[in-house]
C-alpha atoms as a PDB file:
ATOM      1  CA  MET A   1      -0.251   0.122   0.448  1.00  0.00           C
ATOM      2  CA  LEU A   2       2.947   2.168   1.182  1.00  0.00           C
ATOM      3  CA  VAL A   3       4.593   2.212  -2.515  1.00  0.00           C
ATOM      4  CA  GLN A   4       1.094   2.720  -4.231  1.00  0.00           C
ATOM      5  CA  ILE A   5       0.782   5.880  -1.874  1.00  0.00           C
ATOM      6  CA  ALA A   6       4.097   6.677  -3.355  1.00  0.00           C
ATOM      7  CA  VAL A   7       3.411   6.620  -7.008  1.00  0.00           C
ATOM      8  CA  LEU A   8       0.471   8.718  -6.530  1.00  0.00           C
ATOM      9  CA  ALA A   9       1.986  11.322  -4.730  1.00  0.00           C
ATOM     10  CA  TRP A  10       4.907  11.341  -7.175  1.00  0.00           C
ATOM     11  CA  ILE A  11       1.761  11.415 -10.087  1.00  0.00           C
ATOM     12  CA  PHE A  12      -0.881  13.545  -8.498  1.00  0.00           C
ATOM     13  CA  LEU A  13       1.274  15.845  -6.140  1.00  0.00           C
ATOM     14  CA  GLY A  14       4.425  16.510  -7.970  1.00  0.00           C
ATOM     15  CA  GLU A  15       6.282  14.861  -4.867  1.00  0.00           C
ATOM     16  CA  PRO A  16      10.056  14.039  -6.097  1.00  0.00           C
ATOM     17  CA  ILE A  17      11.390  10.329  -5.609  1.00  0.00           C
ATOM     18  CA  ASN A  18      15.081  10.365  -5.675  1.00  0.00           C
ATOM     19  CA  ALA A  19      17.117   7.511  -6.792  1.00  0.00           C
ATOM     20  CA  ARG A  20      17.463   5.746  -3.324  1.00  0.00           C
ATOM     21  CA  GLU A  21      13.342   6.020  -2.574  1.00  0.00           C
ATOM     22  CA  GLY A  22      13.132   4.869  -6.432  1.00  0.00           C
ATOM     23  CA  VAL A  23      15.359   1.577  -5.455  1.00  0.00           C
ATOM     24  CA  GLY A  24      13.289   1.099  -2.417  1.00  0.00           C
ATOM     25  CA  LEU A  25      10.402   1.016  -3.618  1.00  0.00           C
ATOM     26  CA  THR A  26      11.323  -1.548  -6.710  1.00  0.00           C
ATOM     27  CA  LEU A  27      12.892  -3.430  -3.195  1.00  0.00           C
ATOM     28  CA  ALA A  28       9.276  -3.503  -1.975  1.00  0.00           C
ATOM     29  CA  VAL A  29       7.698  -4.484  -4.964  1.00  0.00           C
ATOM     30  CA  LEU A  30       9.690  -7.104  -5.951  1.00  0.00           C
ATOM     31  CA  GLY A  31       9.663  -8.515  -1.844  1.00  0.00           C
ATOM     32  CA  VAL A  32       6.042  -8.727  -2.897  1.00  0.00           C
ATOM     33  CA  VAL A  33       6.076 -10.304  -5.736  1.00  0.00           C
ATOM     34  CA  LEU A  34       7.902 -12.892  -5.024  1.00  0.00           C
ATOM     35  CA  VAL A  35       6.463 -13.659  -1.193  1.00  0.00           C
ATOM     36  CA  GLN A  36       3.313 -13.911  -3.445  1.00  0.00           C
ATOM     37  CA  LEU A  37       4.293 -15.880  -6.424  1.00  0.00           C
ATOM     38  CA  THR A  38       6.114 -18.274  -3.655  1.00  0.00           C
ATOM     39  CA  GLY A  39       3.691 -18.298  -0.998  1.00  0.00           C
ATOM     40  CA  ALA A  40       0.811 -19.838  -3.680  1.00  0.00           C
ATOM     41  CA  THR A  41       2.421 -23.105  -3.991  1.00  0.00           C
ATOM     42  CA  GLU A  42       3.156 -24.201  -0.265  1.00  0.00           C
ATOM     43  CA  LYS A  43       0.075 -25.689   1.235  1.00  0.00           C
ATOM     44  CA  ASN A  44      -0.896 -24.716   5.210  1.00  0.00           C
ATOM     45  CA  GLU A  45      -1.353 -28.571   6.234  1.00  0.00           C
ATOM     46  CA  PRO A  46      -0.911 -29.203   9.788  1.00  0.00           C
ATOM     47  CA  SER A  47       2.295 -32.054  10.412  1.00  0.00           C
ATOM     48  CA  VAL A  48       2.169 -35.642  12.050  1.00  0.00           C
ATOM     49  CA  ASP A  49       2.837 -34.190  14.873  1.00  0.00           C
ATOM     50  CA  GLU A  50       0.236 -31.302  15.264  1.00  0.00           C
ATOM     51  CA  ARG A  51      -2.449 -34.155  13.934  1.00  0.00           C
ATOM     52  CA  LYS A  52      -2.030 -36.522  17.165  1.00  0.00           C
ATOM     53  CA  VAL A  53      -2.708 -33.063  19.273  1.00  0.00           C
ATOM     54  CA  LEU A  54      -5.809 -32.625  17.277  1.00  0.00           C
END
């Protein structure tokens, strides 16, 4: 959400984004994409030990 706020402030309010901030925004977006792509394939099933407790 914060990335969108920074980009919209740049577009509509003319807020400057320097190189350091641009790199940070890019890393944040890449991190979100990485988590979304790798997290979608994993299953959240209980382990064998947790099944015994339940």
